[in-house]
Amino acid sequence: MHDWFKIGLGNMYGLSAIFDGQNGFYKPRFPPPVMVGNGQPERASY
């Protein structure tokens, strides 16, 4: 319809990618990764 709708959809899916992740690709870690101290390399990511 219009570029304004494209912008709105882009922002909506951008936020979804950050807070929800993508199907069959990635998801947010819970609990979140440790910021300091010792952890595991496989969990050192968001």
All heavy atoms as atom14 arrays in JSON, in Angstrom:
{
  "sequence": "MHDWFKIGLGNMYGLSAIFDGQNGFYKPRFPPPVMVGNGQPERASY",
  "atom14_mask": [
    [1, 1, 1, 1, 1, 1, 1, 1, 0, 0, 0, 0, 0, 0],
    [1, 1, 1, 1, 1, 1, 1, 1, 1, 1, 0, 0, 0, 0],
    [1, 1, 1, 1, 1, 1, 1, 1, 0, 0, 0, 0, 0, 0],
    [1, 1, 1, 1, 1, 1, 1, 1, 1, 1, 1, 1, 1, 1],
    [1, 1, 1, 1, 1, 1, 1, 1, 1, 1, 1, 0, 0, 0],
    [1, 1, 1, 1, 1, 1, 1, 1, 1, 0, 0, 0, 0, 0],
    [1, 1, 1, 1, 1, 1, 1, 1, 0, 0, 0, 0, 0, 0],
    [1, 1, 1, 1, 0, 0, 0, 0, 0, 0, 0, 0, 0, 0],
    [1, 1, 1, 1, 1, 1, 1, 1, 0, 0, 0, 0, 0, 0],
    [1, 1, 1, 1, 0, 0, 0, 0, 0, 0, 0, 0, 0, 0],
    [1, 1, 1, 1, 1, 1, 1, 1, 0, 0, 0, 0, 0, 0],
    [1, 1, 1, 1, 1, 1, 1, 1, 0, 0, 0, 0, 0, 0],
    [1, 1, 1, 1, 1, 1, 1, 1, 1, 1, 1, 1, 0, 0],
    [1, 1, 1, 1, 0, 0, 0, 0, 0, 0, 0, 0, 0, 0],
    [1, 1, 1, 1, 1, 1, 1, 1, 0, 0, 0, 0, 0, 0],
    [1, 1, 1, 1, 1, 1, 0, 0, 0, 0, 0, 0, 0, 0],
    [1, 1, 1, 1, 1, 0, 0, 0, 0, 0, 0, 0, 0, 0],
    [1, 1, 1, 1, 1, 1, 1, 1, 0, 0, 0, 0, 0, 0],
    [1, 1, 1, 1, 1, 1, 1, 1, 1, 1, 1, 0, 0, 0],
    [1, 1, 1, 1, 1, 1, 1, 1, 0, 0, 0, 0, 0, 0],
    [1, 1, 1, 1, 0, 0, 0, 0, 0, 0, 0, 0, 0, 0],
    [1, 1, 1, 1, 1, 1, 1, 1, 1, 0, 0, 0, 0, 0],
    [1, 1, 1, 1, 1, 1, 1, 1, 0, 0, 0, 0, 0, 0],
    [1, 1, 1, 1, 0, 0, 0, 0, 0, 0, 0, 0, 0, 0],
    [1, 1, 1, 1, 1, 1, 1, 1, 1, 1, 1, 0, 0, 0],
    [1, 1, 1, 1, 1, 1, 1, 1, 1, 1, 1, 1, 0, 0],
    [1, 1, 1, 1, 1, 1, 1, 1, 1, 0, 0, 0, 0, 0],
    [1, 1, 1, 1, 1, 1, 1, 0, 0, 0, 0, 0, 0, 0],
    [1, 1, 1, 1, 1, 1, 1, 1, 1, 1, 1, 0, 0, 0],
    [1, 1, 1, 1, 1, 1, 1, 1, 1, 1, 1, 0, 0, 0],
    [1, 1, 1, 1, 1, 1, 1, 0, 0, 0, 0, 0, 0, 0],
    [1, 1, 1, 1, 1, 1, 1, 0, 0, 0, 0, 0, 0, 0],
    [1, 1, 1, 1, 1, 1, 1, 0, 0, 0, 0, 0, 0, 0],
    [1, 1, 1, 1, 1, 1, 1, 0, 0, 0, 0, 0, 0, 0],
    [1, 1, 1, 1, 1, 1, 1, 1, 0, 0, 0, 0, 0, 0],
    [1, 1, 1, 1, 1, 1, 1, 0, 0, 0, 0, 0, 0, 0],
    [1, 1, 1, 1, 0, 0, 0, 0, 0, 0, 0, 0, 0, 0],
    [1, 1, 1, 1, 1, 1, 1, 1, 0, 0, 0, 0, 0, 0],
    [1, 1, 1, 1, 0, 0, 0, 0, 0, 0, 0, 0, 0, 0],
    [1, 1, 1, 1, 1, 1, 1, 1, 1, 0, 0, 0, 0, 0],
    [1, 1, 1, 1, 1, 1, 1, 0, 0, 0, 0, 0, 0, 0],
    [1, 1, 1, 1, 1, 1, 1, 1, 1, 0, 0, 0, 0, 0],
    [1, 1, 1, 1, 1, 1, 1, 1, 1, 1, 1, 0, 0, 0],
    [1, 1, 1, 1, 1, 0, 0, 0, 0, 0, 0, 0, 0, 0],
    [1, 1, 1, 1, 1, 1, 0, 0, 0, 0, 0, 0, 0, 0],
    [1, 1, 1, 1, 1, 1, 1, 1, 1, 1, 1, 1, 0, 0]
  ],
  "atom14_positions": [
    [[0.81, -1.22, 0.0], [0.0, 0.0, 0.0], [0.84, 1.27, 0.0], [0.62, 2.18, -0.81], [-0.95, -0.01, 1.2], [-2.12, -0.98, 1.08], [-3.18, -1.0, 2.54], [-3.87, 0.65, 2.49], [0.0, 0.0, 0.0], [0.0, 0.0, 0.0], [0.0, 0.0, 0.0], [0.0, 0.0, 0.0], [0.0, 0.0, 0.0], [0.0, 0.0, 0.0]],
    [[1.8, 1.36, 0.91], [2.56, 2.61, 1.06], [3.82, 2.33, 1.85], [3.88, 1.39, 2.66], [1.7, 3.65, 1.8], [2.24, 5.05, 1.7], [3.23, 5.52, 2.56], [1.93, 6.07, 0.86], [3.51, 6.78, 2.24], [2.74, 7.13, 1.21], [0.0, 0.0, 0.0], [0.0, 0.0, 0.0], [0.0, 0.0, 0.0], [0.0, 0.0, 0.0]],
    [[4.86, 3.17, 1.65], [6.12, 2.98, 2.37], [5.94, 3.09, 3.89], [6.7, 2.5, 4.65], [7.16, 4.0, 1.9], [7.86, 3.54, 0.62], [7.54, 2.45, 0.12], [8.73, 4.3, 0.12], [0.0, 0.0, 0.0], [0.0, 0.0, 0.0], [0.0, 0.0, 0.0], [0.0, 0.0, 0.0], [0.0, 0.0, 0.0], [0.0, 0.0, 0.0]],
    [[4.94, 3.87, 4.33], [4.71, 3.98, 5.78], [4.34, 2.62, 6.38], [4.76, 2.28, 7.49], [3.62, 5.0, 6.08], [4.09, 6.42, 5.92], [3.72, 7.31, 4.97], [5.06, 7.09, 6.74], [4.38, 8.5, 5.13], [5.21, 8.4, 6.21], [5.81, 6.74, 7.86], [6.07, 9.34, 6.77], [6.67, 7.67, 8.41], [6.8, 8.96, 7.87]],
    [[3.57, 1.84, 5.65], [3.24, 0.5, 6.13], [4.46, -0.41, 6.09], [4.64, -1.25, 6.98], [2.11, -0.09, 5.28], [0.77, 0.54, 5.51], [0.24, 1.44, 4.61], [0.04, 0.24, 6.65], [-0.99, 2.03, 4.83], [-1.2, 0.83, 6.88], [-1.72, 1.73, 5.97], [0.0, 0.0, 0.0], [0.0, 0.0, 0.0], [0.0, 0.0, 0.0]],
    [[5.31, -0.24, 5.09], [6.56, -1.02, 5.03], [7.43, -0.71, 6.25], [8.01, -1.61, 6.86], [7.32, -0.71, 3.74], [6.63, -1.15, 2.45], [7.51, -0.83, 1.26], [6.92, -1.32, -0.06], [5.77, -0.5, -0.5], [0.0, 0.0, 0.0], [0.0, 0.0, 0.0], [0.0, 0.0, 0.0], [0.0, 0.0, 0.0], [0.0, 0.0, 0.0]],
    [[7.54, 0.57, 6.59], [8.34, 0.97, 7.75], [7.75, 0.37, 9.03], [8.47, -0.16, 9.88], [8.4, 2.51, 7.84], [9.2, 3.08, 6.66], [9.04, 2.94, 9.17], [9.12, 4.59, 6.54], [0.0, 0.0, 0.0], [0.0, 0.0, 0.0], [0.0, 0.0, 0.0], [0.0, 0.0, 0.0], [0.0, 0.0, 0.0], [0.0, 0.0, 0.0]],
    [[6.43, 0.47, 9.16], [5.79, -0.08, 10.35], [5.98, -1.58, 10.47], [6.29, -2.09, 11.56], [0.0, 0.0, 0.0], [0.0, 0.0, 0.0], [0.0, 0.0, 0.0], [0.0, 0.0, 0.0], [0.0, 0.0, 0.0], [0.0, 0.0, 0.0], [0.0, 0.0, 0.0], [0.0, 0.0, 0.0], [0.0, 0.0, 0.0], [0.0, 0.0, 0.0]],
    [[5.82, -2.3, 9.37], [6.03, -3.75, 9.39], [7.48, -4.08, 9.72], [7.76, -5.01, 10.48], [5.64, -4.36, 8.05], [4.14, -4.43, 7.74], [3.92, -4.79, 6.27], [3.45, -5.45, 8.64], [0.0, 0.0, 0.0], [0.0, 0.0, 0.0], [0.0, 0.0, 0.0], [0.0, 0.0, 0.0], [0.0, 0.0, 0.0], [0.0, 0.0, 0.0]],
    [[8.41, -3.32, 9.14], [9.82, -3.56, 9.41], [10.16, -3.37, 10.88], [10.88, -4.19, 11.47], [0.0, 0.0, 0.0], [0.0, 0.0, 0.0], [0.0, 0.0, 0.0], [0.0, 0.0, 0.0], [0.0, 0.0, 0.0], [0.0, 0.0, 0.0], [0.0, 0.0, 0.0], [0.0, 0.0, 0.0], [0.0, 0.0, 0.0], [0.0, 0.0, 0.0]],
    [[9.62, -2.32, 11.48], [9.87, -2.09, 12.91], [9.23, -3.18, 13.77], [9.83, -3.64, 14.75], [9.33, -0.72, 13.32], [10.16, 0.42, 12.75], [11.34, 0.26, 12.46], [9.54, 1.58, 12.57], [0.0, 0.0, 0.0], [0.0, 0.0, 0.0], [0.0, 0.0, 0.0], [0.0, 0.0, 0.0], [0.0, 0.0, 0.0], [0.0, 0.0, 0.0]],
    [[8.03, -3.6, 13.39], [7.35, -4.65, 14.15], [8.14, -5.96, 14.09], [8.38, -6.6, 15.13], [5.95, -4.87, 13.58], [5.15, -5.94, 14.33], [3.52, -6.23, 13.6], [4.0, -7.21, 12.15], [0.0, 0.0, 0.0], [0.0, 0.0, 0.0], [0.0, 0.0, 0.0], [0.0, 0.0, 0.0], [0.0, 0.0, 0.0], [0.0, 0.0, 0.0]],
    [[8.58, -6.35, 12.89], [9.31, -7.61, 12.77], [10.73, -7.49, 13.32], [11.31, -8.5, 13.76], [9.32, -8.08, 11.31], [8.01, -8.7, 10.9], [7.21, -8.12, 9.93], [7.57, -9.88, 11.5], [5.99, -8.69, 9.57], [6.35, -10.45, 11.14], [5.57, -9.85, 10.18], [4.37, -10.42, 9.83], [0.0, 0.0, 0.0], [0.0, 0.0, 0.0]],
    [[11.29, -6.28, 13.31], [12.58, -6.09, 13.94], [12.51, -6.31, 15.44], [13.36, -6.98, 16.04], [0.0, 0.0, 0.0], [0.0, 0.0, 0.0], [0.0, 0.0, 0.0], [0.0, 0.0, 0.0], [0.0, 0.0, 0.0], [0.0, 0.0, 0.0], [0.0, 0.0, 0.0], [0.0, 0.0, 0.0], [0.0, 0.0, 0.0], [0.0, 0.0, 0.0]],
    [[11.48, -5.77, 16.08], [11.29, -5.98, 17.52], [10.99, -7.44, 17.82], [11.48, -8.0, 18.81], [10.15, -5.09, 18.02], [10.45, -3.59, 18.07], [9.18, -2.8, 18.42], [11.54, -3.29, 19.09], [0.0, 0.0, 0.0], [0.0, 0.0, 0.0], [0.0, 0.0, 0.0], [0.0, 0.0, 0.0], [0.0, 0.0, 0.0], [0.0, 0.0, 0.0]],
    [[10.21, -8.07, 16.95], [9.92, -9.49, 17.14], [11.2, -10.33, 17.07], [11.39, -11.27, 17.85], [8.93, -9.96, 16.07], [8.73, -11.36, 16.14], [0.0, 0.0, 0.0], [0.0, 0.0, 0.0], [0.0, 0.0, 0.0], [0.0, 0.0, 0.0], [0.0, 0.0, 0.0], [0.0, 0.0, 0.0], [0.0, 0.0, 0.0], [0.0, 0.0, 0.0]],
    [[12.09, -9.98, 16.14], [13.35, -10.72, 16.01], [14.19, -10.58, 17.27], [14.88, -11.52, 17.68], [14.11, -10.23, 14.79], [0.0, 0.0, 0.0], [0.0, 0.0, 0.0], [0.0, 0.0, 0.0], [0.0, 0.0, 0.0], [0.0, 0.0, 0.0], [0.0, 0.0, 0.0], [0.0, 0.0, 0.0], [0.0, 0.0, 0.0], [0.0, 0.0, 0.0]],
    [[14.14, -9.4, 17.91], [14.94, -9.15, 19.11], [14.37, -9.89, 20.32], [15.1, -10.56, 21.06], [15.02, -7.64, 19.4], [15.84, -6.94, 18.3], [15.65, -7.39, 20.77], [15.8, -5.43, 18.39], [0.0, 0.0, 0.0], [0.0, 0.0, 0.0], [0.0, 0.0, 0.0], [0.0, 0.0, 0.0], [0.0, 0.0, 0.0], [0.0, 0.0, 0.0]],
    [[13.08, -9.78, 20.52], [12.48, -10.28, 21.76], [11.91, -11.69, 21.65], [11.72, -12.36, 22.66], [11.37, -9.31, 22.22], [11.89, -7.97, 22.64], [11.67, -6.85, 21.85], [12.63, -7.82, 23.8], [12.16, -5.61, 22.22], [13.13, -6.58, 24.19], [12.89, -5.47, 23.39], [0.0, 0.0, 0.0], [0.0, 0.0, 0.0], [0.0, 0.0, 0.0]],
    [[11.64, -12.14, 20.45], [11.02, -13.45, 20.26], [11.92, -14.43, 19.52], [11.9, -15.63, 19.78], [9.7, -13.26, 19.49], [8.88, -14.53, 19.38], [9.16, -15.47, 20.15], [7.96, -14.58, 18.55], [0.0, 0.0, 0.0], [0.0, 0.0, 0.0], [0.0, 0.0, 0.0], [0.0, 0.0, 0.0], [0.0, 0.0, 0.0], [0.0, 0.0, 0.0]],
    [[12.75, -13.93, 18.6], [13.59, -14.8, 17.78], [12.87, -15.21, 16.5], [11.79, -14.7, 16.18], [0.0, 0.0, 0.0], [0.0, 0.0, 0.0], [0.0, 0.0, 0.0], [0.0, 0.0, 0.0], [0.0, 0.0, 0.0], [0.0, 0.0, 0.0], [0.0, 0.0, 0.0], [0.0, 0.0, 0.0], [0.0, 0.0, 0.0], [0.0, 0.0, 0.0]],
    [[13.47, -16.13, 15.76], [12.91, -16.59, 14.48], [12.75, -18.1, 14.49], [13.62, -18.83, 14.97], [13.82, -16.17, 13.32], [13.94, -14.68, 13.11], [12.63, -13.98, 12.81], [12.34, -12.92, 13.37], [11.82, -14.57, 11.93], [0.0, 0.0, 0.0], [0.0, 0.0, 0.0], [0.0, 0.0, 0.0], [0.0, 0.0, 0.0], [0.0, 0.0, 0.0]],
    [[11.64, -18.53, 13.93], [11.31, -19.94, 13.88], [12.41, -20.77, 13.22], [12.88, -20.43, 12.12], [10.0, -20.13, 13.11], [9.63, -21.59, 12.93], [9.41, -22.3, 13.9], [9.58, -22.03, 11.68], [0.0, 0.0, 0.0], [0.0, 0.0, 0.0], [0.0, 0.0, 0.0], [0.0, 0.0, 0.0], [0.0, 0.0, 0.0], [0.0, 0.0, 0.0]],
    [[12.84, -21.82, 13.89], [13.84, -22.7, 13.32], [15.2, -22.07, 13.14], [16.05, -22.59, 12.4], [0.0, 0.0, 0.0], [0.0, 0.0, 0.0], [0.0, 0.0, 0.0], [0.0, 0.0, 0.0], [0.0, 0.0, 0.0], [0.0, 0.0, 0.0], [0.0, 0.0, 0.0], [0.0, 0.0, 0.0], [0.0, 0.0, 0.0], [0.0, 0.0, 0.0]],
    [[15.45, -20.95, 13.83], [16.71, -20.22, 13.66], [17.33, -19.93, 15.02], [18.35, -20.5, 15.39], [16.44, -18.94, 12.88], [17.67, -18.24, 12.34], [17.53, -17.2, 11.43], [18.95, -18.61, 12.73], [18.65, -16.55, 10.92], [20.08, -17.95, 12.23], [19.92, -16.92, 11.32], [0.0, 0.0, 0.0], [0.0, 0.0, 0.0], [0.0, 0.0, 0.0]],
    [[16.69, -19.06, 15.8], [17.24, -18.71, 17.11], [16.12, -18.24, 18.04], [15.04, -17.85, 17.59], [18.32, -17.63, 16.99], [17.8, -16.29, 16.52], [17.36, -15.33, 17.43], [17.75, -15.97, 15.16], [16.88, -14.1, 17.01], [17.27, -14.75, 14.73], [16.84, -13.81, 15.66], [16.35, -12.6, 15.22], [0.0, 0.0, 0.0], [0.0, 0.0, 0.0]],
    [[16.43, -18.29, 19.33], [15.5, -17.79, 20.34], [16.31, -17.16, 21.47], [17.47, -17.53, 21.7], [14.61, -18.91, 20.87], [15.37, -20.02, 21.6], [14.43, -21.12, 22.07], [15.2, -22.22, 22.79], [14.29, -23.31, 23.26], [0.0, 0.0, 0.0], [0.0, 0.0, 0.0], [0.0, 0.0, 0.0], [0.0, 0.0, 0.0], [0.0, 0.0, 0.0]],
    [[15.71, -16.21, 22.23], [16.43, -15.6, 23.35], [16.77, -16.64, 24.41], [16.0, -17.57, 24.66], [15.42, -14.57, 23.89], [14.48, -14.32, 22.77], [14.38, -15.61, 22.01], [0.0, 0.0, 0.0], [0.0, 0.0, 0.0], [0.0, 0.0, 0.0], [0.0, 0.0, 0.0], [0.0, 0.0, 0.0], [0.0, 0.0, 0.0], [0.0, 0.0, 0.0]],
    [[17.93, -16.47, 25.01], [18.33, -17.39, 26.07], [17.58, -17.07, 27.37], [17.41, -15.9, 27.73], [19.84, -17.28, 26.34], [20.7, -17.88, 25.26], [22.12, -18.09, 25.73], [22.94, -18.63, 24.66], [22.98, -19.91, 24.31], [22.23, -20.79, 24.96], [23.75, -20.32, 23.32], [0.0, 0.0, 0.0], [0.0, 0.0, 0.0], [0.0, 0.0, 0.0]],
    [[17.17, -18.11, 28.04], [16.61, -17.95, 29.38], [17.09, -19.1, 30.25], [16.91, -20.28, 29.88], [15.08, -17.93, 29.34], [14.48, -17.6, 30.68], [14.39, -16.28, 31.11], [14.06, -18.62, 31.53], [13.87, -15.98, 32.36], [13.55, -18.32, 32.78], [13.44, -17.0, 33.19], [0.0, 0.0, 0.0], [0.0, 0.0, 0.0], [0.0, 0.0, 0.0]],
    [[17.74, -18.79, 31.36], [18.07, -17.43, 31.82], [19.11, -16.77, 30.91], [19.81, -17.46, 30.17], [18.64, -17.69, 33.22], [19.19, -19.09, 33.15], [18.26, -19.83, 32.26], [0.0, 0.0, 0.0], [0.0, 0.0, 0.0], [0.0, 0.0, 0.0], [0.0, 0.0, 0.0], [0.0, 0.0, 0.0], [0.0, 0.0, 0.0], [0.0, 0.0, 0.0]],
    [[19.2, -15.44, 30.98], [20.15, -14.72, 30.13], [21.59, -15.14, 30.41], [21.89, -15.7, 31.48], [19.91, -13.25, 30.52], [18.56, -13.23, 31.14], [18.4, -14.55, 31.83], [0.0, 0.0, 0.0], [0.0, 0.0, 0.0], [0.0, 0.0, 0.0], [0.0, 0.0, 0.0], [0.0, 0.0, 0.0], [0.0, 0.0, 0.0], [0.0, 0.0, 0.0]],
    [[22.5, -14.89, 29.48], [23.9, -15.26, 29.69], [24.54, -14.44, 30.8], [24.12, -13.31, 31.08], [24.56, -14.95, 28.34], [23.7, -13.86, 27.76], [22.31, -14.2, 28.19], [0.0, 0.0, 0.0], [0.0, 0.0, 0.0], [0.0, 0.0, 0.0], [0.0, 0.0, 0.0], [0.0, 0.0, 0.0], [0.0, 0.0, 0.0], [0.0, 0.0, 0.0]],
    [[25.56, -15.02, 31.46], [26.27, -14.3, 32.51], [27.11, -13.2, 31.87], [27.72, -13.38, 30.81], [27.16, -15.25, 33.34], [26.32, -16.25, 34.09], [28.16, -15.97, 32.45], [0.0, 0.0, 0.0], [0.0, 0.0, 0.0], [0.0, 0.0, 0.0], [0.0, 0.0, 0.0], [0.0, 0.0, 0.0], [0.0, 0.0, 0.0], [0.0, 0.0, 0.0]],
    [[27.11, -12.03, 32.49], [27.86, -10.91, 31.95], [29.3, -10.91, 32.45], [30.19, -10.39, 31.78], [27.17, -9.59, 32.32], [25.74, -9.48, 31.81], [25.6, -9.67, 30.02], [26.4, -8.17, 29.47], [0.0, 0.0, 0.0], [0.0, 0.0, 0.0], [0.0, 0.0, 0.0], [0.0, 0.0, 0.0], [0.0, 0.0, 0.0], [0.0, 0.0, 0.0]],
    [[29.54, -11.44, 33.64], [30.89, -11.51, 34.2], [31.05, -12.89, 34.84], [30.09, -13.65, 35.0], [31.12, -10.41, 35.26], [31.08, -9.04, 34.62], [30.1, -10.5, 36.38], [0.0, 0.0, 0.0], [0.0, 0.0, 0.0], [0.0, 0.0, 0.0], [0.0, 0.0, 0.0], [0.0, 0.0, 0.0], [0.0, 0.0, 0.0], [0.0, 0.0, 0.0]],
    [[32.29, -13.21, 35.21], [32.54, -14.5, 35.84], [32.68, -15.6, 34.79], [32.75, -15.36, 33.59], [0.0, 0.0, 0.0], [0.0, 0.0, 0.0], [0.0, 0.0, 0.0], [0.0, 0.0, 0.0], [0.0, 0.0, 0.0], [0.0, 0.0, 0.0], [0.0, 0.0, 0.0], [0.0, 0.0, 0.0], [0.0, 0.0, 0.0], [0.0, 0.0, 0.0]],
    [[32.73, -16.81, 35.27], [32.95, -17.97, 34.4], [31.63, -18.56, 33.93], [30.7, -18.75, 34.71], [33.75, -19.04, 35.14], [35.17, -18.58, 35.46], [35.76, -17.85, 34.67], [35.69, -18.99, 36.61], [0.0, 0.0, 0.0], [0.0, 0.0, 0.0], [0.0, 0.0, 0.0], [0.0, 0.0, 0.0], [0.0, 0.0, 0.0], [0.0, 0.0, 0.0]],
    [[31.57, -18.86, 32.66], [30.41, -19.51, 32.08], [30.86, -20.55, 31.08], [31.99, -21.04, 31.13], [0.0, 0.0, 0.0], [0.0, 0.0, 0.0], [0.0, 0.0, 0.0], [0.0, 0.0, 0.0], [0.0, 0.0, 0.0], [0.0, 0.0, 0.0], [0.0, 0.0, 0.0], [0.0, 0.0, 0.0], [0.0, 0.0, 0.0], [0.0, 0.0, 0.0]],
    [[30.01, -20.88, 30.15], [30.33, -21.85, 29.1], [30.34, -21.14, 27.76], [29.46, -20.32, 27.48], [29.29, -22.97, 29.09], [29.25, -23.78, 30.37], [28.11, -24.79, 30.33], [26.98, -24.48, 29.95], [28.42, -26.03, 30.7], [0.0, 0.0, 0.0], [0.0, 0.0, 0.0], [0.0, 0.0, 0.0], [0.0, 0.0, 0.0], [0.0, 0.0, 0.0]],
    [[31.33, -21.45, 26.89], [31.37, -20.8, 25.57], [30.07, -20.98, 24.79], [29.62, -20.05, 24.11], [32.53, -21.51, 24.86], [33.4, -22.02, 25.96], [32.47, -22.37, 27.09], [0.0, 0.0, 0.0], [0.0, 0.0, 0.0], [0.0, 0.0, 0.0], [0.0, 0.0, 0.0], [0.0, 0.0, 0.0], [0.0, 0.0, 0.0], [0.0, 0.0, 0.0]],
    [[29.45, -22.15, 24.91], [28.23, -22.43, 24.15], [27.05, -21.58, 24.6], [26.04, -21.49, 23.9], [27.84, -23.91, 24.27], [28.86, -24.88, 23.69], [29.96, -25.25, 24.66], [30.03, -24.63, 25.76], [30.76, -26.15, 24.34], [0.0, 0.0, 0.0], [0.0, 0.0, 0.0], [0.0, 0.0, 0.0], [0.0, 0.0, 0.0], [0.0, 0.0, 0.0]],
    [[27.16, -20.95, 25.78], [26.08, -20.11, 26.29], [26.46, -18.64, 26.33], [25.69, -17.81, 26.84], [25.67, -20.56, 27.7], [25.03, -21.95, 27.74], [24.47, -22.25, 29.12], [23.56, -21.21, 29.58], [22.27, -21.13, 29.24], [21.75, -22.05, 28.43], [21.5, -20.16, 29.69], [0.0, 0.0, 0.0], [0.0, 0.0, 0.0], [0.0, 0.0, 0.0]],
    [[27.62, -18.3, 25.79], [28.09, -16.92, 25.82], [27.5, -16.13, 24.66], [28.2, -15.72, 23.72], [29.62, -16.88, 25.8], [0.0, 0.0, 0.0], [0.0, 0.0, 0.0], [0.0, 0.0, 0.0], [0.0, 0.0, 0.0], [0.0, 0.0, 0.0], [0.0, 0.0, 0.0], [0.0, 0.0, 0.0], [0.0, 0.0, 0.0], [0.0, 0.0, 0.0]],
    [[26.18, -15.93, 24.71], [25.49, -15.2, 23.66], [24.09, -14.85, 24.16], [23.6, -15.43, 25.14], [25.38, -16.03, 22.38], [24.57, -17.17, 22.6], [0.0, 0.0, 0.0], [0.0, 0.0, 0.0], [0.0, 0.0, 0.0], [0.0, 0.0, 0.0], [0.0, 0.0, 0.0], [0.0, 0.0, 0.0], [0.0, 0.0, 0.0], [0.0, 0.0, 0.0]],
    [[23.45, -13.94, 23.46], [22.09, -13.55, 23.84], [21.03, -14.51, 23.3], [19.92, -14.55, 23.81], [21.79, -12.14, 23.34], [22.64, -11.08, 24.0], [23.54, -10.32, 23.24], [22.58, -10.84, 25.36], [24.33, -9.35, 23.84], [23.37, -9.88, 25.97], [24.25, -9.13, 25.2], [25.04, -8.19, 25.8], [0.0, 0.0, 0.0], [0.0, 0.0, 0.0]]
  ]
}
